[in-house]
Amino acid sequence: MTDNKVLGAGLISLDVLIWDGENLPVSYYVGGTCGNVMMILSHMGWESYPIARLDQTKDTRRVLDDMNKHRVHTDYITTNDGKTPVIVQRNFINKDGVPTHRFESRHGHGHFYLDFKPLTKKQADAVIERIDFVPKVFFFDRVAPAILKLATTFKGKGSVVFFEPSSRGGDVKTFNKCVEVADVVKFSDQRIKDYRQFDGVADKLFIQTQGAEGLIYRLNSDWNHLEPVHNDNVVDTAGAGDWTAAALINELYKDKEKQEIFNFMPAAIADALNAAQRIGAQSCSYEGARGMMQ
């Protein structure tokens, strides 16, 4: 077994991919930020262990089948008291002839609503008690007390903690604690616009992705800008940020000794971010958030 082990908690869904106006079969894949990152890292050669609280429906069976197909460990996924979110990704060509997509939830009732149940502290305690290794990386994307406990526990054991918040959320106190425990905090400007709120926070790598404008990042000093990597063959942009996150983890930590993020040379951070952007851009030439894995 490799030392490249990653543990992840947060949004794991079933993605249903539909092409409007095309006579193509509906496709089912593991989705959600955490789900995608865990699947992609397994594809990159990591031992991937997602943690989730799902249900006993056929949607869960499809999630587990996809994970098993891609050698993702399901030891810490429960199916007795949770919910399996279902996200419909509808791909279409817009009026300008540009491939685009929109997301819908199966039970949205006219608005986007995810039927998601976060982990309980009891479930977090069970994982901590059962697990017999220390992951090199702990990844999470949801602000929740139980997930914060997991992050804090594994940070204390020596894991690198990577936090990708979907938003700042209503629980500001818990959000701030999640930032405090993290080594890397990556977020989209569509989700968190005010990157200056993190000014003055030391010894963490902050990354704000800015779509077609590239990204900015900061590690103890000023914010730096990286130009985007262009792709002239865009088919589907869904999942590009997840590929970027997984590729960054892979660039910084696969087959390498763990080190504190602030000990990396500035050039190494920039090189890893450039490589991650390149992978994210390449993923846009494939259909579906993880089409590049096929």
C-alpha atoms as a PDB file:
ATOM      1  CA  MET A   1       0.000   0.000   0.000  1.00  0.00           C
ATOM      2  CA  THR A   2       1.231   3.455  -0.870  1.00  0.00           C
ATOM      3  CA  ASP A   3       1.874   6.269   1.595  1.00  0.00           C
ATOM      4  CA  ASN A   4      -0.185   8.512  -0.700  1.00  0.00           C
ATOM      5  CA  LYS A   5      -3.424   8.272   1.237  1.00  0.00           C
ATOM      6  CA  VAL A   6      -6.147  10.914   1.202  1.00  0.00           C
ATOM      7  CA  LEU A   7      -9.222  11.110   3.405  1.00  0.00           C
ATOM      8  CA  GLY A   8     -12.097  13.361   2.387  1.00  0.00           C
ATOM      9  CA  ALA A   9     -15.403  14.564   3.817  1.00  0.00           C
ATOM     10  CA  GLY A  10     -18.114  16.799   2.420  1.00  0.00           C
ATOM     11  CA  LEU A  11     -20.382  16.801  -0.604  1.00  0.00           C
ATOM     12  CA  ILE A  12     -20.575  13.452  -2.363  1.00  0.00           C
ATOM     13  CA  SER A  13     -23.455  13.219  -4.799  1.00  0.00           C
ATOM     14  CA  LEU A  14     -24.725  11.298  -7.782  1.00  0.00           C
ATOM     15  CA  ASP A  15     -24.302  13.391 -10.932  1.00  0.00           C
ATOM     16  CA  VAL A  16     -26.774  12.750 -13.741  1.00  0.00           C
ATOM     17  CA  LEU A  17     -25.403  14.029 -17.057  1.00  0.00           C
ATOM     18  CA  ILE A  18     -27.918  14.945 -19.799  1.00  0.00           C
ATOM     19  CA  TRP A  19     -27.303  16.516 -23.227  1.00  0.00           C
ATOM     20  CA  ASP A  20     -30.285  18.604 -24.277  1.00  0.00           C
ATOM     21  CA  GLY A  21     -31.353  18.029 -27.875  1.00  0.00           C
ATOM     22  CA  GLU A  22     -29.058  15.044 -28.311  1.00  0.00           C
ATOM     23  CA  ASN A  23     -30.091  11.424 -28.578  1.00  0.00           C
ATOM     24  CA  LEU A  24     -27.505  10.312 -26.042  1.00  0.00           C
ATOM     25  CA  PRO A  25     -27.941   8.026 -23.025  1.00  0.00           C
ATOM     26  CA  VAL A  26     -28.130   9.564 -19.560  1.00  0.00           C
ATOM     27  CA  SER A  27     -24.870   9.019 -17.644  1.00  0.00           C
ATOM     28  CA  TYR A  28     -24.424   8.522 -13.900  1.00  0.00           C
ATOM     29  CA  TYR A  29     -21.245   9.439 -12.032  1.00  0.00           C
ATOM     30  CA  VAL A  30     -19.988  10.249  -8.555  1.00  0.00           C
ATOM     31  CA  GLY A  31     -20.087  14.036  -8.177  1.00  0.00           C
ATOM     32  CA  GLY A  32     -19.852  16.846  -5.669  1.00  0.00           C
ATOM     33  CA  THR A  33     -16.596  18.636  -4.922  1.00  0.00           C
ATOM     34  CA  CYS A  34     -15.379  16.115  -2.372  1.00  0.00           C
ATOM     35  CA  GLY A  35     -16.608  13.197  -4.483  1.00  0.00           C
ATOM     36  CA  ASN A  36     -14.839  14.445  -7.596  1.00  0.00           C
ATOM     37  CA  VAL A  37     -11.567  15.176  -5.807  1.00  0.00           C
ATOM     38  CA  MET A  38     -11.539  11.737  -4.179  1.00  0.00           C
ATOM     39  CA  MET A  39     -12.215  10.035  -7.522  1.00  0.00           C
ATOM     40  CA  ILE A  40      -9.626  12.089  -9.412  1.00  0.00           C
ATOM     41  CA  LEU A  41      -6.921  11.490  -6.804  1.00  0.00           C
ATOM     42  CA  SER A  42      -7.566   7.743  -7.018  1.00  0.00           C
ATOM     43  CA  HIS A  43      -7.134   8.069 -10.782  1.00  0.00           C
ATOM     44  CA  MET A  44      -3.816   9.830 -10.078  1.00  0.00           C
ATOM     45  CA  GLY A  45      -2.576   6.919  -7.983  1.00  0.00           C
ATOM     46  CA  TRP A  46      -3.663   7.839  -4.470  1.00  0.00           C
ATOM     47  CA  GLU A  47      -5.382   5.579  -1.929  1.00  0.00           C
ATOM     48  CA  SER A  48      -8.629   7.515  -1.615  1.00  0.00           C
ATOM     49  CA  TYR A  49     -11.008   7.193   1.346  1.00  0.00           C
ATOM     50  CA  PRO A  50     -14.167   9.362   1.204  1.00  0.00           C
ATOM     51  CA  ILE A  51     -16.408   9.755   4.240  1.00  0.00           C
ATOM     52  CA  ALA A  52     -20.124  10.183   3.584  1.00  0.00           C
ATOM     53  CA  ARG A  53     -23.573   9.673   5.036  1.00  0.00           C
ATOM     54  CA  LEU A  54     -25.756   8.291   2.233  1.00  0.00           C
ATOM     55  CA  ASP A  55     -29.013   6.341   1.986  1.00  0.00           C
ATOM     56  CA  GLN A  56     -30.075   2.912   0.702  1.00  0.00           C
ATOM     57  CA  THR A  57     -31.474   3.921  -2.694  1.00  0.00           C
ATOM     58  CA  LYS A  58     -30.437   2.906  -6.195  1.00  0.00           C
ATOM     59  CA  ASP A  59     -28.708   6.300  -6.425  1.00  0.00           C
ATOM     60  CA  THR A  60     -26.339   5.204  -3.661  1.00  0.00           C
ATOM     61  CA  ARG A  61     -25.703   1.919  -5.445  1.00  0.00           C
ATOM     62  CA  ARG A  62     -24.670   3.895  -8.527  1.00  0.00           C
ATOM     63  CA  VAL A  63     -22.317   6.011  -6.386  1.00  0.00           C
ATOM     64  CA  LEU A  64     -20.722   2.959  -4.792  1.00  0.00           C
ATOM     65  CA  ASP A  65     -20.451   1.124  -8.127  1.00  0.00           C
ATOM     66  CA  ASP A  66     -18.618   4.093  -9.666  1.00  0.00           C
ATOM     67  CA  MET A  67     -16.272   4.290  -6.675  1.00  0.00           C
ATOM     68  CA  ASN A  68     -15.517   0.574  -6.840  1.00  0.00           C
ATOM     69  CA  LYS A  69     -14.892   0.837 -10.580  1.00  0.00           C
ATOM     70  CA  HIS A  70     -12.222   3.475  -9.910  1.00  0.00           C
ATOM     71  CA  ARG A  71     -10.649   1.747  -6.895  1.00  0.00           C
ATOM     72  CA  VAL A  72     -11.944   4.245  -4.345  1.00  0.00           C
ATOM     73  CA  HIS A  73     -12.274   2.795  -0.834  1.00  0.00           C
ATOM     74  CA  THR A  74     -15.782   2.863   0.622  1.00  0.00           C
ATOM     75  CA  ASP A  75     -14.910   1.751   4.168  1.00  0.00           C
ATOM     76  CA  TYR A  76     -16.134   5.012   5.733  1.00  0.00           C
ATOM     77  CA  ILE A  77     -19.372   5.493   3.803  1.00  0.00           C
ATOM     78  CA  THR A  78     -22.540   4.706   5.749  1.00  0.00           C
ATOM     79  CA  THR A  79     -25.909   4.067   4.104  1.00  0.00           C
ATOM     80  CA  ASN A  80     -28.279   3.675   7.045  1.00  0.00           C
ATOM     81  CA  ASP A  81     -29.383   7.185   8.028  1.00  0.00           C
ATOM     82  CA  GLY A  82     -28.251   9.703   5.423  1.00  0.00           C
ATOM     83  CA  LYS A  83     -29.264  11.106   2.057  1.00  0.00           C
ATOM     84  CA  THR A  84     -27.695  10.806  -1.358  1.00  0.00           C
ATOM     85  CA  PRO A  85     -27.873  14.169  -3.146  1.00  0.00           C
ATOM     86  CA  VAL A  86     -28.649  13.960  -6.858  1.00  0.00           C
ATOM     87  CA  ILE A  87     -27.392  16.741  -9.138  1.00  0.00           C
ATOM     88  CA  VAL A  88     -28.570  16.943 -12.737  1.00  0.00           C
ATOM     89  CA  GLN A  89     -26.036  18.516 -15.089  1.00  0.00           C
ATOM     90  CA  ARG A  90     -27.802  19.579 -18.265  1.00  0.00           C
ATOM     91  CA  ASN A  91     -25.373  20.358 -21.103  1.00  0.00           C
ATOM     92  CA  PHE A  92     -26.473  22.445 -24.075  1.00  0.00           C
ATOM     93  CA  ILE A  93     -25.261  24.858 -26.723  1.00  0.00           C
ATOM     94  CA  ASN A  94     -26.245  28.451 -25.899  1.00  0.00           C
ATOM     95  CA  LYS A  95     -27.533  31.045 -28.348  1.00  0.00           C
ATOM     96  CA  ASP A  96     -23.959  32.111 -29.153  1.00  0.00           C
ATOM     97  CA  GLY A  97     -22.998  28.557 -30.096  1.00  0.00           C
ATOM     98  CA  VAL A  98     -20.921  28.051 -26.948  1.00  0.00           C
ATOM     99  CA  PRO A  99     -21.095  24.771 -24.983  1.00  0.00           C
ATOM    100  CA  THR A 100     -22.451  25.458 -21.508  1.00  0.00           C
ATOM    101  CA  HIS A 101     -24.344  23.744 -18.699  1.00  0.00           C
ATOM    102  CA  ARG A 102     -26.671  24.331 -15.810  1.00  0.00           C
ATOM    103  CA  PHE A 103     -27.187  22.384 -12.625  1.00  0.00           C
ATOM    104  CA  GLU A 104     -30.530  21.206 -11.292  1.00  0.00           C
ATOM    105  CA  SER A 105     -31.429  19.129  -8.269  1.00  0.00           C
ATOM    106  CA  ARG A 106     -33.868  16.285  -8.610  1.00  0.00           C
ATOM    107  CA  HIS A 107     -36.016  17.461  -5.696  1.00  0.00           C
ATOM    108  CA  GLY A 108     -35.465  21.200  -6.110  1.00  0.00           C
ATOM    109  CA  HIS A 109     -39.154  22.147  -6.550  1.00  0.00           C
ATOM    110  CA  GLY A 110     -38.215  25.062  -8.784  1.00  0.00           C
ATOM    111  CA  HIS A 111     -34.969  26.016  -7.034  1.00  0.00           C
ATOM    112  CA  PHE A 112     -31.597  24.396  -6.503  1.00  0.00           C
ATOM    113  CA  TYR A 113     -31.768  22.414  -3.291  1.00  0.00           C
ATOM    114  CA  LEU A 114     -29.482  19.576  -2.246  1.00  0.00           C
ATOM    115  CA  ASP A 115     -30.925  16.901   0.010  1.00  0.00           C
ATOM    116  CA  PHE A 116     -27.636  16.584   1.903  1.00  0.00           C
ATOM    117  CA  LYS A 117     -27.041  15.354   5.444  1.00  0.00           C
ATOM    118  CA  PRO A 118     -23.703  16.282   7.021  1.00  0.00           C
ATOM    119  CA  LEU A 119     -21.804  13.836   9.175  1.00  0.00           C
ATOM    120  CA  THR A 120     -22.718  13.621  12.840  1.00  0.00           C
ATOM    121  CA  LYS A 121     -20.133  13.879  15.606  1.00  0.00           C
ATOM    122  CA  LYS A 122     -20.906  10.259  16.473  1.00  0.00           C
ATOM    123  CA  GLN A 123     -19.986   9.221  12.933  1.00  0.00           C
ATOM    124  CA  ALA A 124     -16.824  11.336  13.055  1.00  0.00           C
ATOM    125  CA  ASP A 125     -15.845   9.644  16.316  1.00  0.00           C
ATOM    126  CA  ALA A 126     -16.455   6.235  14.731  1.00  0.00           C
ATOM    127  CA  VAL A 127     -14.134   7.060  11.827  1.00  0.00           C
ATOM    128  CA  ILE A 128     -11.431   8.342  14.170  1.00  0.00           C
ATOM    129  CA  GLU A 129     -11.697   5.179  16.273  1.00  0.00           C
ATOM    130  CA  ARG A 130     -11.684   2.773  13.309  1.00  0.00           C
ATOM    131  CA  ILE A 131      -9.060   4.267  11.060  1.00  0.00           C
ATOM    132  CA  ASP A 132      -5.660   2.597  11.341  1.00  0.00           C
ATOM    133  CA  PHE A 133      -3.555   5.052   9.343  1.00  0.00           C
ATOM    134  CA  VAL A 134      -2.813   8.759   9.157  1.00  0.00           C
ATOM    135  CA  PRO A 135      -3.712  10.169   5.739  1.00  0.00           C
ATOM    136  CA  LYS A 136      -1.128  12.357   4.064  1.00  0.00           C
ATOM    137  CA  VAL A 137      -3.961  14.759   3.147  1.00  0.00           C
ATOM    138  CA  PHE A 138      -7.374  15.454   4.670  1.00  0.00           C
ATOM    139  CA  PHE A 139      -9.703  17.224   2.210  1.00  0.00           C
ATOM    140  CA  PHE A 140     -13.045  18.816   3.073  1.00  0.00           C
ATOM    141  CA  ASP A 141     -15.509  21.181   1.428  1.00  0.00           C
ATOM    142  CA  ARG A 142     -18.326  21.679   3.926  1.00  0.00           C
ATOM    143  CA  VAL A 143     -18.508  23.720   7.133  1.00  0.00           C
ATOM    144  CA  ALA A 144     -19.860  21.388   9.801  1.00  0.00           C
ATOM    145  CA  PRO A 145     -18.827  20.663  13.410  1.00  0.00           C
ATOM    146  CA  ALA A 146     -18.240  16.944  12.793  1.00  0.00           C
ATOM    147  CA  ILE A 147     -16.075  17.576   9.730  1.00  0.00           C
ATOM    148  CA  LEU A 148     -14.151  20.237  11.652  1.00  0.00           C
ATOM    149  CA  LYS A 149     -13.480  17.640  14.349  1.00  0.00           C
ATOM    150  CA  LEU A 150     -12.084  15.250  11.724  1.00  0.00           C
ATOM    151  CA  ALA A 151      -9.895  17.993  10.240  1.00  0.00           C
ATOM    152  CA  THR A 152      -8.596  19.010  13.674  1.00  0.00           C
ATOM    153  CA  THR A 153      -7.901  15.412  14.674  1.00  0.00           C
ATOM    154  CA  PHE A 154      -5.938  14.536  11.559  1.00  0.00           C
ATOM    155  CA  LYS A 155      -4.103  17.861  11.540  1.00  0.00           C
ATOM    156  CA  GLY A 156      -2.947  16.943  15.037  1.00  0.00           C
ATOM    157  CA  LYS A 157      -1.741  13.572  13.734  1.00  0.00           C
ATOM    158  CA  GLY A 158       0.300  15.224  10.983  1.00  0.00           C
ATOM    159  CA  SER A 159      -2.031  15.336   7.961  1.00  0.00           C
ATOM    160  CA  VAL A 160      -2.049  18.229   5.516  1.00  0.00           C
ATOM    161  CA  VAL A 161      -5.517  19.839   5.639  1.00  0.00           C
ATOM    162  CA  PHE A 162      -7.017  21.166   2.389  1.00  0.00           C
ATOM    163  CA  PHE A 163     -10.233  23.197   2.744  1.00  0.00           C
ATOM    164  CA  GLU A 164     -12.340  24.109  -0.291  1.00  0.00           C
ATOM    165  CA  PRO A 165     -15.413  25.964   1.025  1.00  0.00           C
ATOM    166  CA  SER A 166     -18.460  26.226  -1.206  1.00  0.00           C
ATOM    167  CA  SER A 167     -19.333  29.475   0.596  1.00  0.00           C
ATOM    168  CA  ARG A 168     -18.602  31.334   3.789  1.00  0.00           C
ATOM    169  CA  GLY A 169     -21.929  30.037   5.081  1.00  0.00           C
ATOM    170  CA  GLY A 170     -24.039  31.215   7.973  1.00  0.00           C
ATOM    171  CA  ASP A 171     -21.916  29.673  10.729  1.00  0.00           C
ATOM    172  CA  VAL A 172     -19.083  32.213  10.687  1.00  0.00           C
ATOM    173  CA  LYS A 173     -17.498  30.892  13.887  1.00  0.00           C
ATOM    174  CA  THR A 174     -17.173  27.352  12.529  1.00  0.00           C
ATOM    175  CA  PHE A 175     -16.024  28.680   9.140  1.00  0.00           C
ATOM    176  CA  ASN A 176     -13.224  30.627  10.807  1.00  0.00           C
ATOM    177  CA  LYS A 177     -12.169  27.530  12.739  1.00  0.00           C
ATOM    178  CA  CYS A 178     -12.078  25.569   9.480  1.00  0.00           C
ATOM    179  CA  VAL A 179      -9.765  28.200   7.990  1.00  0.00           C
ATOM    180  CA  GLU A 180      -7.633  28.147  11.127  1.00  0.00           C
ATOM    181  CA  VAL A 181      -7.045  24.390  10.966  1.00  0.00           C
ATOM    182  CA  ALA A 182      -6.395  24.303   7.198  1.00  0.00           C
ATOM    183  CA  ASP A 183      -3.023  24.437   5.470  1.00  0.00           C
ATOM    184  CA  VAL A 184      -4.525  25.236   2.054  1.00  0.00           C
ATOM    185  CA  VAL A 185      -7.764  27.179   1.481  1.00  0.00           C
ATOM    186  CA  LYS A 186      -8.992  27.240  -2.122  1.00  0.00           C
ATOM    187  CA  PHE A 187     -12.195  28.980  -3.231  1.00  0.00           C
ATOM    188  CA  SER A 188     -13.860  30.387  -6.331  1.00  0.00           C
ATOM    189  CA  ASP A 189     -14.552  34.091  -6.797  1.00  0.00           C
ATOM    190  CA  GLN A 190     -18.121  33.044  -7.640  1.00  0.00           C
ATOM    191  CA  ARG A 191     -18.497  31.602  -4.134  1.00  0.00           C
ATOM    192  CA  ILE A 192     -16.341  33.920  -2.010  1.00  0.00           C
ATOM    193  CA  LYS A 193     -15.554  37.293  -3.586  1.00  0.00           C
ATOM    194  CA  ASP A 194     -13.847  39.029  -0.672  1.00  0.00           C
ATOM    195  CA  TYR A 195     -10.397  37.435  -0.662  1.00  0.00           C
ATOM    196  CA  ARG A 196      -9.068  40.327   1.442  1.00  0.00           C
ATOM    197  CA  GLN A 197     -10.813  38.877   4.485  1.00  0.00           C
ATOM    198  CA  PHE A 198      -7.870  36.472   4.719  1.00  0.00           C
ATOM    199  CA  ASP A 199      -5.198  39.176   4.742  1.00  0.00           C
ATOM    200  CA  GLY A 200      -3.108  38.937   7.858  1.00  0.00           C
ATOM    201  CA  VAL A 201      -3.647  35.179   8.279  1.00  0.00           C
ATOM    202  CA  ALA A 202      -0.203  33.594   8.209  1.00  0.00           C
ATOM    203  CA  ASP A 203       1.273  30.228   7.309  1.00  0.00           C
ATOM    204  CA  LYS A 204      -1.536  29.158   4.960  1.00  0.00           C
ATOM    205  CA  LEU A 205      -1.826  29.038   1.199  1.00  0.00           C
ATOM    206  CA  PHE A 206      -4.929  30.912   0.037  1.00  0.00           C
ATOM    207  CA  ILE A 207      -6.091  30.486  -3.570  1.00  0.00           C
ATOM    208  CA  GLN A 208      -8.958  32.267  -5.301  1.00  0.00           C
ATOM    209  CA  THR A 209      -9.777  30.908  -8.756  1.00  0.00           C
ATOM    210  CA  GLN A 210     -11.153  33.522 -11.138  1.00  0.00           C
ATOM    211  CA  GLY A 211     -12.311  31.550 -14.169  1.00  0.00           C
ATOM    212  CA  ALA A 212     -11.115  33.092 -17.430  1.00  0.00           C
ATOM    213  CA  GLU A 213      -8.946  35.550 -15.441  1.00  0.00           C
ATOM    214  CA  GLY A 214      -6.758  32.807 -13.968  1.00  0.00           C
ATOM    215  CA  LEU A 215      -6.193  32.788 -10.206  1.00  0.00           C
ATOM    216  CA  ILE A 216      -4.611  34.697  -7.359  1.00  0.00           C
ATOM    217  CA  TYR A 217      -2.808  33.212  -4.382  1.00  0.00           C
ATOM    218  CA  ARG A 218      -1.159  34.304  -1.175  1.00  0.00           C
ATOM    219  CA  LEU A 219       1.266  32.707   1.276  1.00  0.00           C
ATOM    220  CA  ASN A 220       2.267  35.127   4.050  1.00  0.00           C
ATOM    221  CA  SER A 221       2.925  38.037   1.689  1.00  0.00           C
ATOM    222  CA  ASP A 222       1.072  39.872  -1.073  1.00  0.00           C
ATOM    223  CA  TRP A 223      -1.472  38.301  -3.404  1.00  0.00           C
ATOM    224  CA  ASN A 224       0.053  37.038  -6.640  1.00  0.00           C
ATOM    225  CA  HIS A 225      -1.724  36.608  -9.974  1.00  0.00           C
ATOM    226  CA  LEU A 226      -1.310  33.693 -12.380  1.00  0.00           C
ATOM    227  CA  GLU A 227      -2.553  34.018 -15.938  1.00  0.00           C
ATOM    228  CA  PRO A 228      -5.117  31.452 -17.088  1.00  0.00           C
ATOM    229  CA  VAL A 229      -4.232  28.459 -19.226  1.00  0.00           C
ATOM    230  CA  HIS A 230      -6.263  28.759 -22.424  1.00  0.00           C
ATOM    231  CA  ASN A 231      -8.128  25.888 -24.063  1.00  0.00           C
ATOM    232  CA  ASP A 232      -9.436  26.323 -27.611  1.00  0.00           C
ATOM    233  CA  ASN A 233     -11.448  23.109 -27.470  1.00  0.00           C
ATOM    234  CA  VAL A 234     -13.902  23.647 -24.613  1.00  0.00           C
ATOM    235  CA  VAL A 235     -16.634  21.037 -24.385  1.00  0.00           C
ATOM    236  CA  ASP A 236     -17.679  21.183 -20.717  1.00  0.00           C
ATOM    237  CA  THR A 237     -16.246  23.363 -17.923  1.00  0.00           C
ATOM    238  CA  ALA A 238     -17.915  21.468 -15.065  1.00  0.00           C
ATOM    239  CA  GLY A 239     -15.383  19.979 -12.687  1.00  0.00           C
ATOM    240  CA  ALA A 240     -12.434  22.115 -13.782  1.00  0.00           C
ATOM    241  CA  GLY A 241     -11.987  23.460 -10.259  1.00  0.00           C
ATOM    242  CA  ASP A 242     -12.030  19.931  -8.829  1.00  0.00           C
ATOM    243  CA  TRP A 243      -9.338  18.824 -11.270  1.00  0.00           C
ATOM    244  CA  THR A 244      -7.323  21.891 -10.271  1.00  0.00           C
ATOM    245  CA  ALA A 245      -7.621  21.043  -6.556  1.00  0.00           C
ATOM    246  CA  ALA A 246      -6.724  17.374  -7.054  1.00  0.00           C
ATOM    247  CA  ALA A 247      -3.818  18.233  -9.346  1.00  0.00           C
ATOM    248  CA  LEU A 248      -2.457  20.730  -6.811  1.00  0.00           C
ATOM    249  CA  ILE A 249      -2.556  18.104  -4.055  1.00  0.00           C
ATOM    250  CA  ASN A 250      -0.868  15.664  -6.412  1.00  0.00           C
ATOM    251  CA  GLU A 251       1.848  18.156  -7.423  1.00  0.00           C
ATOM    252  CA  LEU A 252       2.668  19.200  -3.874  1.00  0.00           C
ATOM    253  CA  TYR A 253       2.467  15.918  -1.992  1.00  0.00           C
ATOM    254  CA  LYS A 254       2.452  12.726  -4.067  1.00  0.00           C
ATOM    255  CA  ASP A 255       5.536  10.591  -3.367  1.00  0.00           C
ATOM    256  CA  LYS A 256       7.034  13.417  -1.284  1.00  0.00           C
ATOM    257  CA  GLU A 257       7.732  13.907   2.368  1.00  0.00           C
ATOM    258  CA  LYS A 258       5.127  16.033   4.085  1.00  0.00           C
ATOM    259  CA  GLN A 259       6.220  19.547   4.961  1.00  0.00           C
ATOM    260  CA  GLU A 260       4.532  22.611   6.316  1.00  0.00           C
ATOM    261  CA  ILE A 261       3.042  24.675   3.521  1.00  0.00           C
ATOM    262  CA  PHE A 262       5.037  27.762   4.565  1.00  0.00           C
ATOM    263  CA  ASN A 263       8.279  25.810   4.056  1.00  0.00           C
ATOM    264  CA  PHE A 264       7.705  25.461   0.314  1.00  0.00           C
ATOM    265  CA  MET A 265       9.823  27.705  -1.865  1.00  0.00           C
ATOM    266  CA  PRO A 266       7.737  30.371  -3.645  1.00  0.00           C
ATOM    267  CA  ALA A 267       8.778  28.991  -7.039  1.00  0.00           C
ATOM    268  CA  ALA A 268       7.546  25.520  -6.061  1.00  0.00           C
ATOM    269  CA  ILE A 269       4.116  26.914  -5.137  1.00  0.00           C
ATOM    270  CA  ALA A 270       3.866  28.823  -8.417  1.00  0.00           C
ATOM    271  CA  ASP A 271       4.969  25.797 -10.450  1.00  0.00           C
ATOM    272  CA  ALA A 272       2.434  23.537  -8.726  1.00  0.00           C
ATOM    273  CA  LEU A 273      -0.370  26.049  -9.279  1.00  0.00           C
ATOM    274  CA  ASN A 274       0.555  26.426 -12.950  1.00  0.00           C
ATOM    275  CA  ALA A 275       0.545  22.661 -13.404  1.00  0.00           C
ATOM    276  CA  ALA A 276      -2.805  22.394 -11.607  1.00  0.00           C
ATOM    277  CA  GLN A 277      -4.319  25.125 -13.803  1.00  0.00           C
ATOM    278  CA  ARG A 278      -3.097  23.263 -16.871  1.00  0.00           C
ATOM    279  CA  ILE A 279      -4.856  20.068 -15.771  1.00  0.00           C
ATOM    280  CA  GLY A 280      -8.032  22.003 -14.947  1.00  0.00           C
ATOM    281  CA  ALA A 281      -8.031  23.601 -18.392  1.00  0.00           C
ATOM    282  CA  GLN A 282      -7.440  20.262 -20.124  1.00  0.00           C
ATOM    283  CA  SER A 283     -10.424  18.749 -18.307  1.00  0.00           C
ATOM    284  CA  CYS A 284     -12.717  21.204 -20.111  1.00  0.00           C
ATOM    285  CA  SER A 285     -12.189  19.318 -23.382  1.00  0.00           C
ATOM    286  CA  TYR A 286     -14.142  16.355 -22.026  1.00  0.00           C
ATOM    287  CA  GLU A 287     -17.810  15.806 -21.321  1.00  0.00           C
ATOM    288  CA  GLY A 288     -18.759  15.582 -17.664  1.00  0.00           C
ATOM    289  CA  ALA A 289     -16.900  16.726 -14.565  1.00  0.00           C
ATOM    290  CA  ARG A 290     -14.595  13.699 -14.701  1.00  0.00           C
ATOM    291  CA  GLY A 291     -14.696  12.944 -18.418  1.00  0.00           C
ATOM    292  CA  MET A 292     -10.901  13.135 -18.629  1.00  0.00           C
ATOM    293  CA  MET A 293     -10.708   9.980 -16.478  1.00  0.00           C
ATOM    294  CA  GLN A 294     -12.457   7.868 -19.091  1.00  0.00           C
END
